[in-house]
Amino acid sequence: MFLRSVEIRRDESINEREYPFTIPAIKSMDRLHFRSNVTFLVGENGSGKSTLLEAIAYQCGFHTAGGGRNNAYEVDASSAILGNAIRLAWMPKVTNGFFLRAETFYHFASYIDTLDPDVLSNYGGRSLHKQSHGEAFLSLFKHRFGKKAIYLLDEPEAALSPARQLALMRVIKDLSEDAQFIIATHSPILLGYPDAQIYNFDEQPIEEIAYEDTLHYILTRRFLENRKTVLKELFED
């Protein structure tokens, strides 16, 4: 494990009445500690998990639209407001890694196509645009990811079938002893990764939560075990 904690520095440069400091989870947060090589950030849309992950990516020097330290391409990326307000504690510090942002992955794939063709060996040997969305994600995970690095993944399940989510879990397992993963997700499959740390952004202050207590697990299990009842309740006027 490399990144030990992330802290929000609250000084005169921060306007608590402006976004993103108005997000309840961010507003109540002082510091999060990472005690596992695999940490998940969970919460409803808008809860702040992706915002914090992006800020960590900014501090790591990764492209905030997706990529590593050496990836520079033109695309609208989020502002550095929160990125400038956080402090990362490392032991030891690593500079290798990658930030995956599912919603801007198309732009990253287009950027890779502009580079030397030899670079494609890091992505399965062919253009990411010539693979399905899910295949492109897995090519990135299998060929670009390595050891002694930190990987920040924002909703990686967006392009992955359940079977390929399990394949991603295997990639994480193969690298987890020598790499660190921080993942924002809605996937009850990924959240089931053994011994992972899970932070719940729906509670203020942000706190750790057991897998079986996450809303993702509870709702999915209820639906699978009582599908007709759940749908009846949902569709009743």
C-alpha atoms as a PDB file:
ATOM      1  CA  MET A   1       0.000   0.000   0.000  1.00  0.00           C
ATOM      2  CA  PHE A   2       1.352   3.409  -0.994  1.00  0.00           C
ATOM      3  CA  LEU A   3      -1.289   6.090  -0.373  1.00  0.00           C
ATOM      4  CA  ARG A   4      -1.950   6.137   3.371  1.00  0.00           C
ATOM      5  CA  SER A   5      -4.453   8.971   3.682  1.00  0.00           C
ATOM      6  CA  VAL A   6      -6.097  11.939   2.006  1.00  0.00           C
ATOM      7  CA  GLU A   7      -6.813  15.106   3.973  1.00  0.00           C
ATOM      8  CA  ILE A   8      -8.738  18.254   3.115  1.00  0.00           C
ATOM      9  CA  ARG A   9      -6.806  21.354   4.132  1.00  0.00           C
ATOM     10  CA  ARG A  10      -9.283  23.942   5.366  1.00  0.00           C
ATOM     11  CA  ASP A  11      -7.840  27.438   5.219  1.00  0.00           C
ATOM     12  CA  GLU A  12      -8.787  30.906   4.020  1.00  0.00           C
ATOM     13  CA  SER A  13      -8.496  29.827   0.374  1.00  0.00           C
ATOM     14  CA  ILE A  14     -11.539  27.535   0.720  1.00  0.00           C
ATOM     15  CA  ASN A  15     -15.041  28.931   0.280  1.00  0.00           C
ATOM     16  CA  GLU A  16     -17.286  26.482   2.117  1.00  0.00           C
ATOM     17  CA  ARG A  17     -20.323  27.962   0.346  1.00  0.00           C
ATOM     18  CA  GLU A  18     -19.090  26.962  -3.109  1.00  0.00           C
ATOM     19  CA  TYR A  19     -19.030  23.636  -4.951  1.00  0.00           C
ATOM     20  CA  PRO A  20     -17.571  21.099  -4.310  1.00  0.00           C
ATOM     21  CA  PHE A  21     -17.299  22.025  -0.636  1.00  0.00           C
ATOM     22  CA  THR A  22     -21.089  22.134  -0.397  1.00  0.00           C
ATOM     23  CA  ILE A  23     -21.328  18.379  -1.084  1.00  0.00           C
ATOM     24  CA  PRO A  24     -22.269  16.927   2.333  1.00  0.00           C
ATOM     25  CA  ALA A  25     -19.601  14.202   2.277  1.00  0.00           C
ATOM     26  CA  ILE A  26     -16.869  16.670   1.279  1.00  0.00           C
ATOM     27  CA  LYS A  27     -18.127  19.296   3.715  1.00  0.00           C
ATOM     28  CA  SER A  28     -17.912  16.902   6.660  1.00  0.00           C
ATOM     29  CA  MET A  29     -14.643  15.233   5.646  1.00  0.00           C
ATOM     30  CA  ASP A  30     -11.314  15.902   7.299  1.00  0.00           C
ATOM     31  CA  ARG A  31      -9.232  12.816   6.500  1.00  0.00           C
ATOM     32  CA  LEU A  32      -9.686   9.319   5.104  1.00  0.00           C
ATOM     33  CA  HIS A  33      -7.205   6.580   5.943  1.00  0.00           C
ATOM     34  CA  PHE A  34      -6.467   3.709   3.579  1.00  0.00           C
ATOM     35  CA  ARG A  35      -5.703   0.430   5.326  1.00  0.00           C
ATOM     36  CA  SER A  36      -6.099  -1.922   2.369  1.00  0.00           C
ATOM     37  CA  ASN A  37      -4.598  -2.232  -1.088  1.00  0.00           C
ATOM     38  CA  VAL A  38      -8.166  -2.251  -2.432  1.00  0.00           C
ATOM     39  CA  THR A  39     -10.586   0.470  -1.336  1.00  0.00           C
ATOM     40  CA  PHE A  40     -14.069   1.153  -2.676  1.00  0.00           C
ATOM     41  CA  LEU A  41     -15.977   4.448  -2.530  1.00  0.00           C
ATOM     42  CA  VAL A  42     -19.740   3.957  -2.591  1.00  0.00           C
ATOM     43  CA  GLY A  43     -22.714   6.274  -2.522  1.00  0.00           C
ATOM     44  CA  GLU A  44     -25.527   7.670  -4.602  1.00  0.00           C
ATOM     45  CA  ASN A  45     -24.923   9.806  -7.685  1.00  0.00           C
ATOM     46  CA  GLY A  46     -23.723  13.208  -6.553  1.00  0.00           C
ATOM     47  CA  SER A  47     -22.485  11.972  -3.188  1.00  0.00           C
ATOM     48  CA  GLY A  48     -18.909  13.145  -3.878  1.00  0.00           C
ATOM     49  CA  LYS A  49     -17.046   9.878  -4.403  1.00  0.00           C
ATOM     50  CA  SER A  50     -16.017  10.637  -8.003  1.00  0.00           C
ATOM     51  CA  THR A  51     -15.198  14.221  -7.034  1.00  0.00           C
ATOM     52  CA  LEU A  52     -12.749  13.043  -4.380  1.00  0.00           C
ATOM     53  CA  LEU A  53     -11.249  10.392  -6.661  1.00  0.00           C
ATOM     54  CA  GLU A  54     -10.651  13.023  -9.323  1.00  0.00           C
ATOM     55  CA  ALA A  55      -8.965  15.284  -6.770  1.00  0.00           C
ATOM     56  CA  ILE A  56      -6.624  12.441  -5.803  1.00  0.00           C
ATOM     57  CA  ALA A  57      -5.839  11.918  -9.500  1.00  0.00           C
ATOM     58  CA  TYR A  58      -5.026  15.621  -9.821  1.00  0.00           C
ATOM     59  CA  GLN A  59      -2.617  15.459  -6.896  1.00  0.00           C
ATOM     60  CA  CYS A  60      -1.003  12.343  -8.405  1.00  0.00           C
ATOM     61  CA  GLY A  61      -0.352  14.283 -11.599  1.00  0.00           C
ATOM     62  CA  PHE A  62      -2.712  12.146 -13.685  1.00  0.00           C
ATOM     63  CA  HIS A  63      -4.874  13.641 -16.431  1.00  0.00           C
ATOM     64  CA  THR A  64      -8.218  14.337 -14.745  1.00  0.00           C
ATOM     65  CA  ALA A  65     -10.107  13.214 -17.855  1.00  0.00           C
ATOM     66  CA  GLY A  66      -8.266   9.893 -17.684  1.00  0.00           C
ATOM     67  CA  GLY A  67      -4.701   8.708 -18.102  1.00  0.00           C
ATOM     68  CA  GLY A  68      -1.351   8.667 -16.344  1.00  0.00           C
ATOM     69  CA  ARG A  69       1.352  11.242 -15.677  1.00  0.00           C
ATOM     70  CA  ASN A  70       2.646  11.197 -19.247  1.00  0.00           C
ATOM     71  CA  ASN A  71      -0.709  11.495 -20.980  1.00  0.00           C
ATOM     72  CA  ALA A  72      -1.424  15.020 -22.229  1.00  0.00           C
ATOM     73  CA  TYR A  73      -4.363  15.671 -24.531  1.00  0.00           C
ATOM     74  CA  GLU A  74      -6.968  18.345 -25.024  1.00  0.00           C
ATOM     75  CA  VAL A  75     -10.384  17.672 -23.507  1.00  0.00           C
ATOM     76  CA  ASP A  76     -12.538  19.434 -20.989  1.00  0.00           C
ATOM     77  CA  ALA A  77     -11.361  18.235 -17.582  1.00  0.00           C
ATOM     78  CA  SER A  78     -12.762  19.180 -14.215  1.00  0.00           C
ATOM     79  CA  SER A  79     -11.356  22.084 -12.279  1.00  0.00           C
ATOM     80  CA  ALA A  80      -8.650  21.642  -9.685  1.00  0.00           C
ATOM     81  CA  ILE A  81     -10.574  23.316  -6.849  1.00  0.00           C
ATOM     82  CA  LEU A  82     -10.719  20.257  -4.616  1.00  0.00           C
ATOM     83  CA  GLY A  83      -7.435  18.916  -5.996  1.00  0.00           C
ATOM     84  CA  ASN A  84      -5.638  21.993  -4.707  1.00  0.00           C
ATOM     85  CA  ALA A  85      -7.283  21.631  -1.302  1.00  0.00           C
ATOM     86  CA  ILE A  86      -6.236  18.083  -0.470  1.00  0.00           C
ATOM     87  CA  ARG A  87      -3.013  16.633   0.888  1.00  0.00           C
ATOM     88  CA  LEU A  88      -1.903  13.062   0.227  1.00  0.00           C
ATOM     89  CA  ALA A  89       0.221  11.083   2.681  1.00  0.00           C
ATOM     90  CA  TRP A  90       2.433   8.458   1.034  1.00  0.00           C
ATOM     91  CA  MET A  91       4.661   5.649   2.322  1.00  0.00           C
ATOM     92  CA  PRO A  92       6.438   5.413  -0.045  1.00  0.00           C
ATOM     93  CA  LYS A  93       5.314   7.841  -2.711  1.00  0.00           C
ATOM     94  CA  VAL A  94       4.767   6.372  -6.166  1.00  0.00           C
ATOM     95  CA  THR A  95       4.484   8.254  -9.438  1.00  0.00           C
ATOM     96  CA  ASN A  96       3.302   5.387 -11.612  1.00  0.00           C
ATOM     97  CA  GLY A  97      -0.388   4.691 -12.081  1.00  0.00           C
ATOM     98  CA  PHE A  98      -3.522   5.537 -13.992  1.00  0.00           C
ATOM     99  CA  PHE A  99      -6.847   7.300 -13.574  1.00  0.00           C
ATOM    100  CA  LEU A 100      -9.746   5.652 -15.410  1.00  0.00           C
ATOM    101  CA  ARG A 101     -12.775   7.843 -15.892  1.00  0.00           C
ATOM    102  CA  ALA A 102     -15.467   5.847 -17.673  1.00  0.00           C
ATOM    103  CA  GLU A 103     -17.379   8.841 -19.017  1.00  0.00           C
ATOM    104  CA  THR A 104     -14.349  10.322 -20.828  1.00  0.00           C
ATOM    105  CA  PHE A 105     -12.686   7.069 -21.892  1.00  0.00           C
ATOM    106  CA  TYR A 106     -13.563   7.763 -25.559  1.00  0.00           C
ATOM    107  CA  HIS A 107     -11.309  10.826 -25.519  1.00  0.00           C
ATOM    108  CA  PHE A 108      -8.459   8.861 -23.978  1.00  0.00           C
ATOM    109  CA  ALA A 109      -8.813   6.153 -26.631  1.00  0.00           C
ATOM    110  CA  SER A 110      -8.718   8.812 -29.383  1.00  0.00           C
ATOM    111  CA  TYR A 111      -5.562  10.279 -27.857  1.00  0.00           C
ATOM    112  CA  ILE A 112      -3.833   6.876 -27.831  1.00  0.00           C
ATOM    113  CA  ASP A 113      -4.548   6.558 -31.567  1.00  0.00           C
ATOM    114  CA  THR A 114      -2.433   9.689 -32.205  1.00  0.00           C
ATOM    115  CA  LEU A 115       0.685   8.178 -30.622  1.00  0.00           C
ATOM    116  CA  ASP A 116       3.366   5.910 -32.035  1.00  0.00           C
ATOM    117  CA  PRO A 117       1.797   2.570 -33.072  1.00  0.00           C
ATOM    118  CA  ASP A 118       4.193   0.757 -30.710  1.00  0.00           C
ATOM    119  CA  VAL A 119       2.266   2.290 -27.812  1.00  0.00           C
ATOM    120  CA  LEU A 120      -0.700   0.082 -28.693  1.00  0.00           C
ATOM    121  CA  SER A 121       1.182  -2.895 -27.257  1.00  0.00           C
ATOM    122  CA  ASN A 122       0.233  -1.487 -23.872  1.00  0.00           C
ATOM    123  CA  TYR A 123      -3.432  -1.746 -24.829  1.00  0.00           C
ATOM    124  CA  GLY A 124      -3.723  -5.166 -26.408  1.00  0.00           C
ATOM    125  CA  GLY A 125      -1.986  -4.416 -29.693  1.00  0.00           C
ATOM    126  CA  ARG A 126      -4.818  -2.626 -31.490  1.00  0.00           C
ATOM    127  CA  SER A 127      -6.773   0.593 -31.293  1.00  0.00           C
ATOM    128  CA  LEU A 128      -9.113   0.813 -28.334  1.00  0.00           C
ATOM    129  CA  HIS A 129     -11.707   2.154 -30.770  1.00  0.00           C
ATOM    130  CA  LYS A 130     -11.518  -1.120 -32.717  1.00  0.00           C
ATOM    131  CA  GLN A 131     -12.557  -3.079 -29.652  1.00  0.00           C
ATOM    132  CA  SER A 132     -15.899  -3.100 -27.928  1.00  0.00           C
ATOM    133  CA  HIS A 133     -16.197  -0.815 -24.930  1.00  0.00           C
ATOM    134  CA  GLY A 134     -15.846  -3.722 -22.546  1.00  0.00           C
ATOM    135  CA  GLU A 135     -12.944  -5.255 -24.505  1.00  0.00           C
ATOM    136  CA  ALA A 136     -11.142  -1.905 -24.486  1.00  0.00           C
ATOM    137  CA  PHE A 137     -11.505  -1.596 -20.723  1.00  0.00           C
ATOM    138  CA  LEU A 138     -10.147  -5.106 -20.166  1.00  0.00           C
ATOM    139  CA  SER A 139      -7.270  -4.504 -22.602  1.00  0.00           C
ATOM    140  CA  LEU A 140      -6.328  -1.471 -20.548  1.00  0.00           C
ATOM    141  CA  PHE A 141      -6.539  -3.402 -17.280  1.00  0.00           C
ATOM    142  CA  LYS A 142      -4.598  -6.441 -18.532  1.00  0.00           C
ATOM    143  CA  HIS A 143      -1.884  -4.743 -20.584  1.00  0.00           C
ATOM    144  CA  ARG A 144      -1.414  -1.228 -19.191  1.00  0.00           C
ATOM    145  CA  PHE A 145      -1.638  -1.994 -15.486  1.00  0.00           C
ATOM    146  CA  GLY A 146       1.455  -3.229 -13.641  1.00  0.00           C
ATOM    147  CA  LYS A 147       3.059  -3.392 -10.226  1.00  0.00           C
ATOM    148  CA  LYS A 148       4.252  -0.640  -7.882  1.00  0.00           C
ATOM    149  CA  ALA A 149       1.542   1.755  -8.986  1.00  0.00           C
ATOM    150  CA  ILE A 150      -1.709   3.309  -7.849  1.00  0.00           C
ATOM    151  CA  TYR A 151      -4.871   2.882  -9.904  1.00  0.00           C
ATOM    152  CA  LEU A 152      -7.866   5.163  -9.515  1.00  0.00           C
ATOM    153  CA  LEU A 153     -10.958   3.767 -11.225  1.00  0.00           C
ATOM    154  CA  ASP A 154     -14.175   5.752 -11.562  1.00  0.00           C
ATOM    155  CA  GLU A 155     -17.106   3.397 -12.219  1.00  0.00           C
ATOM    156  CA  PRO A 156     -15.117   0.820 -14.241  1.00  0.00           C
ATOM    157  CA  GLU A 157     -18.201  -1.413 -14.368  1.00  0.00           C
ATOM    158  CA  ALA A 158     -19.861   1.032 -16.797  1.00  0.00           C
ATOM    159  CA  ALA A 159     -18.616  -0.964 -19.796  1.00  0.00           C
ATOM    160  CA  LEU A 160     -18.286  -4.398 -18.222  1.00  0.00           C
ATOM    161  CA  SER A 161     -20.700  -7.310 -18.237  1.00  0.00           C
ATOM    162  CA  PRO A 162     -20.990  -9.266 -14.972  1.00  0.00           C
ATOM    163  CA  ALA A 163     -18.523 -11.845 -16.332  1.00  0.00           C
ATOM    164  CA  ARG A 164     -16.021  -9.142 -17.215  1.00  0.00           C
ATOM    165  CA  GLN A 165     -16.444  -7.528 -13.828  1.00  0.00           C
ATOM    166  CA  LEU A 166     -15.253 -10.847 -12.421  1.00  0.00           C
ATOM    167  CA  ALA A 167     -12.334 -10.727 -14.886  1.00  0.00           C
ATOM    168  CA  LEU A 168     -11.439  -7.272 -13.551  1.00  0.00           C
ATOM    169  CA  MET A 169     -11.495  -8.672 -10.017  1.00  0.00           C
ATOM    170  CA  ARG A 170      -8.935 -11.262 -11.124  1.00  0.00           C
ATOM    171  CA  VAL A 171      -6.697  -8.523 -12.535  1.00  0.00           C
ATOM    172  CA  ILE A 172      -6.955  -6.658  -9.241  1.00  0.00           C
ATOM    173  CA  LYS A 173      -6.119  -9.834  -7.314  1.00  0.00           C
ATOM    174  CA  ASP A 174      -3.055 -10.523  -9.480  1.00  0.00           C
ATOM    175  CA  LEU A 175      -1.689  -7.014  -8.869  1.00  0.00           C
ATOM    176  CA  SER A 176      -2.978  -6.171  -5.395  1.00  0.00           C
ATOM    177  CA  GLU A 177       0.121  -7.278  -3.475  1.00  0.00           C
ATOM    178  CA  ASP A 178       2.251  -4.740  -5.363  1.00  0.00           C
ATOM    179  CA  ALA A 179      -0.296  -2.115  -6.422  1.00  0.00           C
ATOM    180  CA  GLN A 180      -3.061  -0.065  -4.820  1.00  0.00           C
ATOM    181  CA  PHE A 181      -6.599   0.384  -6.131  1.00  0.00           C
ATOM    182  CA  ILE A 182      -9.120   3.054  -5.130  1.00  0.00           C
ATOM    183  CA  ILE A 183     -12.397   2.497  -6.959  1.00  0.00           C
ATOM    184  CA  ALA A 184     -15.652   4.462  -7.059  1.00  0.00           C
ATOM    185  CA  THR A 185     -18.378   2.011  -7.994  1.00  0.00           C
ATOM    186  CA  HIS A 186     -22.052   1.070  -7.952  1.00  0.00           C
ATOM    187  CA  SER A 187     -21.334  -2.590  -8.668  1.00  0.00           C
ATOM    188  CA  PRO A 188     -22.359  -5.110  -5.992  1.00  0.00           C
ATOM    189  CA  ILE A 189     -20.096  -7.609  -7.764  1.00  0.00           C
ATOM    190  CA  LEU A 190     -16.931  -5.513  -7.487  1.00  0.00           C
ATOM    191  CA  LEU A 191     -17.798  -4.524  -3.930  1.00  0.00           C
ATOM    192  CA  GLY A 192     -17.632  -8.194  -2.990  1.00  0.00           C
ATOM    193  CA  TYR A 193     -13.851  -8.241  -3.458  1.00  0.00           C
ATOM    194  CA  PRO A 194     -12.379 -10.099  -0.437  1.00  0.00           C
ATOM    195  CA  ASP A 195     -11.187  -7.986   2.509  1.00  0.00           C
ATOM    196  CA  ALA A 196     -11.650  -4.699   0.655  1.00  0.00           C
ATOM    197  CA  GLN A 197     -12.145  -1.465   2.560  1.00  0.00           C
ATOM    198  CA  ILE A 198     -15.440   0.262   1.696  1.00  0.00           C
ATOM    199  CA  TYR A 199     -16.160   3.927   2.443  1.00  0.00           C
ATOM    200  CA  ASN A 200     -19.802   5.036   2.423  1.00  0.00           C
ATOM    201  CA  PHE A 201     -20.302   8.574   1.063  1.00  0.00           C
ATOM    202  CA  ASP A 202     -24.013   8.536   1.889  1.00  0.00           C
ATOM    203  CA  GLU A 203     -23.170   8.987   5.574  1.00  0.00           C
ATOM    204  CA  GLN A 204     -21.691  12.131   7.082  1.00  0.00           C
ATOM    205  CA  PRO A 205     -18.984  12.026   8.092  1.00  0.00           C
ATOM    206  CA  ILE A 206     -17.826   9.414   5.598  1.00  0.00           C
ATOM    207  CA  GLU A 207     -17.420   6.087   7.349  1.00  0.00           C
ATOM    208  CA  GLU A 208     -16.429   2.518   6.611  1.00  0.00           C
ATOM    209  CA  ILE A 209     -19.235   0.065   5.943  1.00  0.00           C
ATOM    210  CA  ALA A 210     -19.440  -3.718   5.668  1.00  0.00           C
ATOM    211  CA  TYR A 211     -20.255  -5.183   2.265  1.00  0.00           C
ATOM    212  CA  GLU A 212     -23.537  -6.700   3.458  1.00  0.00           C
ATOM    213  CA  ASP A 213     -24.626  -3.303   4.829  1.00  0.00           C
ATOM    214  CA  THR A 214     -24.182  -1.399   1.570  1.00  0.00           C
ATOM    215  CA  LEU A 215     -27.370  -0.300  -0.161  1.00  0.00           C
ATOM    216  CA  HIS A 216     -26.012  -1.848  -3.378  1.00  0.00           C
ATOM    217  CA  TYR A 217     -25.907  -5.300  -1.798  1.00  0.00           C
ATOM    218  CA  ILE A 218     -29.219  -4.934   0.049  1.00  0.00           C
ATOM    219  CA  LEU A 219     -31.214  -3.757  -2.977  1.00  0.00           C
ATOM    220  CA  THR A 220     -29.631  -6.260  -5.364  1.00  0.00           C
ATOM    221  CA  ARG A 221     -30.218  -9.180  -3.030  1.00  0.00           C
ATOM    222  CA  ARG A 222     -33.813  -8.123  -2.379  1.00  0.00           C
ATOM    223  CA  PHE A 223     -34.496  -7.802  -6.111  1.00  0.00           C
ATOM    224  CA  LEU A 224     -32.963 -11.173  -6.992  1.00  0.00           C
ATOM    225  CA  GLU A 225     -34.743 -13.006  -4.179  1.00  0.00           C
ATOM    226  CA  ASN A 226     -38.105 -11.208  -4.490  1.00  0.00           C
ATOM    227  CA  ARG A 227     -38.223  -9.852  -8.027  1.00  0.00           C
ATOM    228  CA  LYS A 228     -42.009 -10.054  -8.458  1.00  0.00           C
ATOM    229  CA  THR A 229     -42.688  -8.404  -5.104  1.00  0.00           C
ATOM    230  CA  VAL A 230     -40.211  -5.591  -5.751  1.00  0.00           C
ATOM    231  CA  LEU A 231     -41.629  -4.906  -9.211  1.00  0.00           C
ATOM    232  CA  LYS A 232     -45.188  -4.989  -7.911  1.00  0.00           C
ATOM    233  CA  GLU A 233     -44.327  -2.390  -5.266  1.00  0.00           C
ATOM    234  CA  LEU A 234     -42.459  -0.292  -7.836  1.00  0.00           C
ATOM    235  CA  PHE A 235     -45.226  -0.272 -10.436  1.00  0.00           C
ATOM    236  CA  GLU A 236     -48.203   0.181  -8.118  1.00  0.00           C
ATOM    237  CA  ASP A 237     -49.934   3.551  -8.454  1.00  0.00           C
END
